[in-house]
Amino acid sequence: MERRQIAELLDSIQSIYPGKFVVQEPTRLLDSWERILQKHDFEKIMRNCDRHLESSVSPTITDLVKKRTLDRMDSIPSVDKTLEYLRLIESNSEISEEAAHSNEETKAQIRNILKGLHQLRSSSFSIVSFSCTFNRVEGK
């Protein structure tokens, strides 16, 4: 990005977020943003800025240089996408013997971990129970 583009970006942010993005030392701010943004593409940064417009908080440099801003709602698939995914899995249900064996080994490892956690939880409960009983007997 060129210095004038960064200045244009800062002006845009300041006008979009009045009172929330206050520039007290314009030259110093421009210098620091230029140091970071000079290697980035202006169009990409402006797209990220536009994407950030729905937020009530002014964007940081990190928000602008991200490959894509995080939208947690995008990470939850719609019903249609979920059904499509399930249909795809069903249609490709034939897996190799090696993959099936690997899946079974993974399941066995998970079962062992869960069994260990259950035993640990049970023994922790016994220790706490013993401690409470011991304290009652001792009069504590």
C-alpha atoms as a PDB file:
ATOM      1  CA  MET A   1       0.000   0.000   0.000  1.00  0.00           C
ATOM      2  CA  GLU A   2       1.106   3.524  -0.669  1.00  0.00           C
ATOM      3  CA  ARG A   3       1.131   6.231   1.988  1.00  0.00           C
ATOM      4  CA  ARG A   4      -1.765   8.124   0.355  1.00  0.00           C
ATOM      5  CA  GLN A   5      -3.867   4.926   0.325  1.00  0.00           C
ATOM      6  CA  ILE A   6      -3.197   4.404   4.026  1.00  0.00           C
ATOM      7  CA  ALA A   7      -4.201   8.019   4.673  1.00  0.00           C
ATOM      8  CA  GLU A   8      -7.406   7.390   2.690  1.00  0.00           C
ATOM      9  CA  LEU A   9      -8.070   4.258   4.757  1.00  0.00           C
ATOM     10  CA  LEU A  10      -7.541   6.130   8.029  1.00  0.00           C
ATOM     11  CA  ASP A  11      -9.850   8.918   6.869  1.00  0.00           C
ATOM     12  CA  SER A  12     -12.509   6.338   5.989  1.00  0.00           C
ATOM     13  CA  ILE A  13     -12.233   4.645   9.375  1.00  0.00           C
ATOM     14  CA  GLN A  14     -12.403   7.983  11.158  1.00  0.00           C
ATOM     15  CA  SER A  15     -15.533   9.034   9.251  1.00  0.00           C
ATOM     16  CA  ILE A  16     -17.224   5.634   9.645  1.00  0.00           C
ATOM     17  CA  TYR A  17     -16.569   5.498  13.404  1.00  0.00           C
ATOM     18  CA  PRO A  18     -16.962   9.114  14.573  1.00  0.00           C
ATOM     19  CA  GLY A  19     -15.807   9.590  18.141  1.00  0.00           C
ATOM     20  CA  LYS A  20     -14.556   5.996  18.345  1.00  0.00           C
ATOM     21  CA  PHE A  21     -11.473   6.391  16.174  1.00  0.00           C
ATOM     22  CA  VAL A  22      -9.902   9.643  17.236  1.00  0.00           C
ATOM     23  CA  VAL A  23      -6.580  10.585  15.669  1.00  0.00           C
ATOM     24  CA  GLN A  24      -4.544  12.854  17.914  1.00  0.00           C
ATOM     25  CA  GLU A  25      -1.204  12.657  16.101  1.00  0.00           C
ATOM     26  CA  PRO A  26      -1.993  12.050  12.389  1.00  0.00           C
ATOM     27  CA  THR A  27       1.608  11.913  11.159  1.00  0.00           C
ATOM     28  CA  ARG A  28       2.711   9.479  13.839  1.00  0.00           C
ATOM     29  CA  LEU A  29      -0.343   7.267  13.276  1.00  0.00           C
ATOM     30  CA  LEU A  30       0.195   7.324   9.517  1.00  0.00           C
ATOM     31  CA  ASP A  31       3.871   6.380   9.987  1.00  0.00           C
ATOM     32  CA  SER A  32       3.078   3.420  12.233  1.00  0.00           C
ATOM     33  CA  TRP A  33       0.268   2.102  10.013  1.00  0.00           C
ATOM     34  CA  GLU A  34       2.446   2.563   6.913  1.00  0.00           C
ATOM     35  CA  ARG A  35       5.228   0.501   8.460  1.00  0.00           C
ATOM     36  CA  ILE A  36       2.827  -2.430   8.821  1.00  0.00           C
ATOM     37  CA  LEU A  37       0.514  -1.981   5.826  1.00  0.00           C
ATOM     38  CA  GLN A  38       3.076  -1.113   3.129  1.00  0.00           C
ATOM     39  CA  LYS A  39       3.464  -4.774   2.143  1.00  0.00           C
ATOM     40  CA  HIS A  40      -0.296  -5.413   1.883  1.00  0.00           C
ATOM     41  CA  ASP A  41      -2.667  -5.001  -1.034  1.00  0.00           C
ATOM     42  CA  PHE A  42      -4.915  -1.918  -0.856  1.00  0.00           C
ATOM     43  CA  GLU A  43      -7.961  -3.672  -2.342  1.00  0.00           C
ATOM     44  CA  LYS A  44      -7.724  -6.556   0.136  1.00  0.00           C
ATOM     45  CA  ILE A  45      -7.396  -4.169   3.084  1.00  0.00           C
ATOM     46  CA  MET A  46     -10.395  -2.138   1.904  1.00  0.00           C
ATOM     47  CA  ARG A  47     -12.475  -5.334   1.493  1.00  0.00           C
ATOM     48  CA  ASN A  48     -11.622  -6.309   5.059  1.00  0.00           C
ATOM     49  CA  CYS A  49     -12.496  -2.798   6.202  1.00  0.00           C
ATOM     50  CA  ASP A  50     -15.854  -3.018   4.405  1.00  0.00           C
ATOM     51  CA  ARG A  51     -16.502  -6.410   6.005  1.00  0.00           C
ATOM     52  CA  HIS A  52     -15.783  -4.905   9.399  1.00  0.00           C
ATOM     53  CA  LEU A  53     -18.358  -2.108   8.931  1.00  0.00           C
ATOM     54  CA  GLU A  54     -21.100  -4.040  10.725  1.00  0.00           C
ATOM     55  CA  SER A  55     -19.066  -3.965  13.916  1.00  0.00           C
ATOM     56  CA  SER A  56     -19.567  -1.153  16.380  1.00  0.00           C
ATOM     57  CA  VAL A  57     -15.828  -1.088  17.089  1.00  0.00           C
ATOM     58  CA  SER A  58     -13.312   0.478  14.738  1.00  0.00           C
ATOM     59  CA  PRO A  59     -10.990  -2.062  13.088  1.00  0.00           C
ATOM     60  CA  THR A  60      -7.459  -2.678  14.255  1.00  0.00           C
ATOM     61  CA  ILE A  61      -4.604  -3.301  11.860  1.00  0.00           C
ATOM     62  CA  THR A  62      -4.976  -7.005  12.651  1.00  0.00           C
ATOM     63  CA  ASP A  63      -8.615  -6.925  11.535  1.00  0.00           C
ATOM     64  CA  LEU A  64      -7.573  -5.363   8.252  1.00  0.00           C
ATOM     65  CA  VAL A  65      -4.690  -7.669   7.340  1.00  0.00           C
ATOM     66  CA  LYS A  66      -6.450 -10.942   8.177  1.00  0.00           C
ATOM     67  CA  LYS A  67      -7.075 -13.204   5.226  1.00  0.00           C
ATOM     68  CA  ARG A  68     -10.723 -13.228   6.203  1.00  0.00           C
ATOM     69  CA  THR A  69     -12.394 -11.723   9.201  1.00  0.00           C
ATOM     70  CA  LEU A  70     -13.844 -14.257  11.594  1.00  0.00           C
ATOM     71  CA  ASP A  71     -17.557 -14.750  11.376  1.00  0.00           C
ATOM     72  CA  ARG A  72     -18.601 -17.382  13.864  1.00  0.00           C
ATOM     73  CA  MET A  73     -21.994 -17.799  12.214  1.00  0.00           C
ATOM     74  CA  ASP A  74     -20.195 -19.020   9.079  1.00  0.00           C
ATOM     75  CA  SER A  75     -18.721 -21.888  11.098  1.00  0.00           C
ATOM     76  CA  ILE A  76     -22.167 -23.344  11.849  1.00  0.00           C
ATOM     77  CA  PRO A  77     -23.508 -25.047   8.741  1.00  0.00           C
ATOM     78  CA  SER A  78     -27.097 -24.535   7.669  1.00  0.00           C
ATOM     79  CA  VAL A  79     -29.583 -27.406   7.693  1.00  0.00           C
ATOM     80  CA  ASP A  80     -29.253 -27.735   3.909  1.00  0.00           C
ATOM     81  CA  LYS A  81     -25.444 -27.887   4.058  1.00  0.00           C
ATOM     82  CA  THR A  82     -25.617 -30.448   6.870  1.00  0.00           C
ATOM     83  CA  LEU A  83     -28.020 -32.653   4.893  1.00  0.00           C
ATOM     84  CA  GLU A  84     -25.837 -32.313   1.808  1.00  0.00           C
ATOM     85  CA  TYR A  85     -22.805 -33.366   3.858  1.00  0.00           C
ATOM     86  CA  LEU A  86     -24.657 -36.379   5.307  1.00  0.00           C
ATOM     87  CA  ARG A  87     -25.780 -37.458   1.831  1.00  0.00           C
ATOM     88  CA  LEU A  88     -22.190 -37.181   0.636  1.00  0.00           C
ATOM     89  CA  ILE A  89     -20.970 -39.353   3.503  1.00  0.00           C
ATOM     90  CA  GLU A  90     -23.659 -41.961   2.788  1.00  0.00           C
ATOM     91  CA  SER A  91     -22.796 -42.052  -0.911  1.00  0.00           C
ATOM     92  CA  ASN A  92     -19.098 -42.514  -0.095  1.00  0.00           C
ATOM     93  CA  SER A  93     -19.682 -45.049   2.656  1.00  0.00           C
ATOM     94  CA  GLU A  94     -17.328 -47.563   1.074  1.00  0.00           C
ATOM     95  CA  ILE A  95     -13.963 -47.062   2.711  1.00  0.00           C
ATOM     96  CA  SER A  96     -10.812 -49.101   2.372  1.00  0.00           C
ATOM     97  CA  GLU A  97      -9.921 -51.840   4.854  1.00  0.00           C
ATOM     98  CA  GLU A  98      -6.940 -49.764   5.963  1.00  0.00           C
ATOM     99  CA  ALA A  99      -9.141 -46.730   6.697  1.00  0.00           C
ATOM    100  CA  ALA A 100     -11.686 -48.905   8.525  1.00  0.00           C
ATOM    101  CA  HIS A 101      -8.903 -50.450  10.619  1.00  0.00           C
ATOM    102  CA  SER A 102      -7.505 -47.001  11.391  1.00  0.00           C
ATOM    103  CA  ASN A 103     -10.979 -45.807  12.441  1.00  0.00           C
ATOM    104  CA  GLU A 104     -11.369 -48.797  14.783  1.00  0.00           C
ATOM    105  CA  GLU A 105      -7.924 -48.170  16.315  1.00  0.00           C
ATOM    106  CA  THR A 106      -8.829 -44.534  16.898  1.00  0.00           C
ATOM    107  CA  LYS A 107     -12.136 -45.507  18.488  1.00  0.00           C
ATOM    108  CA  ALA A 108     -10.310 -47.987  20.778  1.00  0.00           C
ATOM    109  CA  GLN A 109      -7.857 -45.250  21.836  1.00  0.00           C
ATOM    110  CA  ILE A 110     -10.723 -42.901  22.609  1.00  0.00           C
ATOM    111  CA  ARG A 111     -12.506 -45.620  24.628  1.00  0.00           C
ATOM    112  CA  ASN A 112      -9.304 -46.216  26.645  1.00  0.00           C
ATOM    113  CA  ILE A 113      -8.918 -42.504  27.338  1.00  0.00           C
ATOM    114  CA  LEU A 114     -12.551 -42.251  28.439  1.00  0.00           C
ATOM    115  CA  LYS A 115     -12.203 -45.356  30.627  1.00  0.00           C
ATOM    116  CA  GLY A 116      -9.103 -43.830  32.254  1.00  0.00           C
ATOM    117  CA  LEU A 117     -10.917 -40.552  32.859  1.00  0.00           C
ATOM    118  CA  HIS A 118     -13.862 -42.424  34.382  1.00  0.00           C
ATOM    119  CA  GLN A 119     -11.522 -44.364  36.688  1.00  0.00           C
ATOM    120  CA  LEU A 120      -9.723 -41.176  37.660  1.00  0.00           C
ATOM    121  CA  ARG A 121     -13.012 -39.449  38.381  1.00  0.00           C
ATOM    122  CA  SER A 122     -14.231 -42.431  40.449  1.00  0.00           C
ATOM    123  CA  SER A 123     -10.990 -42.569  42.459  1.00  0.00           C
ATOM    124  CA  SER A 124     -11.069 -38.794  43.021  1.00  0.00           C
ATOM    125  CA  PHE A 125     -14.635 -39.115  44.299  1.00  0.00           C
ATOM    126  CA  SER A 126     -13.544 -41.936  46.650  1.00  0.00           C
ATOM    127  CA  ILE A 127     -10.669 -39.827  48.014  1.00  0.00           C
ATOM    128  CA  VAL A 128     -12.974 -36.845  48.590  1.00  0.00           C
ATOM    129  CA  SER A 129     -15.578 -39.115  50.187  1.00  0.00           C
ATOM    130  CA  PHE A 130     -12.919 -40.730  52.406  1.00  0.00           C
ATOM    131  CA  SER A 131     -11.553 -37.304  53.372  1.00  0.00           C
ATOM    132  CA  CYS A 132     -15.025 -36.028  54.333  1.00  0.00           C
ATOM    133  CA  THR A 133     -15.718 -39.176  56.371  1.00  0.00           C
ATOM    134  CA  PHE A 134     -12.295 -38.960  58.050  1.00  0.00           C
ATOM    135  CA  ASN A 135     -12.858 -35.291  58.936  1.00  0.00           C
ATOM    136  CA  ARG A 136     -16.251 -36.114  60.476  1.00  0.00           C
ATOM    137  CA  VAL A 137     -14.730 -38.915  62.578  1.00  0.00           C
ATOM    138  CA  GLU A 138     -11.915 -36.645  63.747  1.00  0.00           C
ATOM    139  CA  GLY A 139     -14.442 -33.939  64.620  1.00  0.00           C
ATOM    140  CA  LYS A 140     -13.235 -31.415  62.072  1.00  0.00           C
END
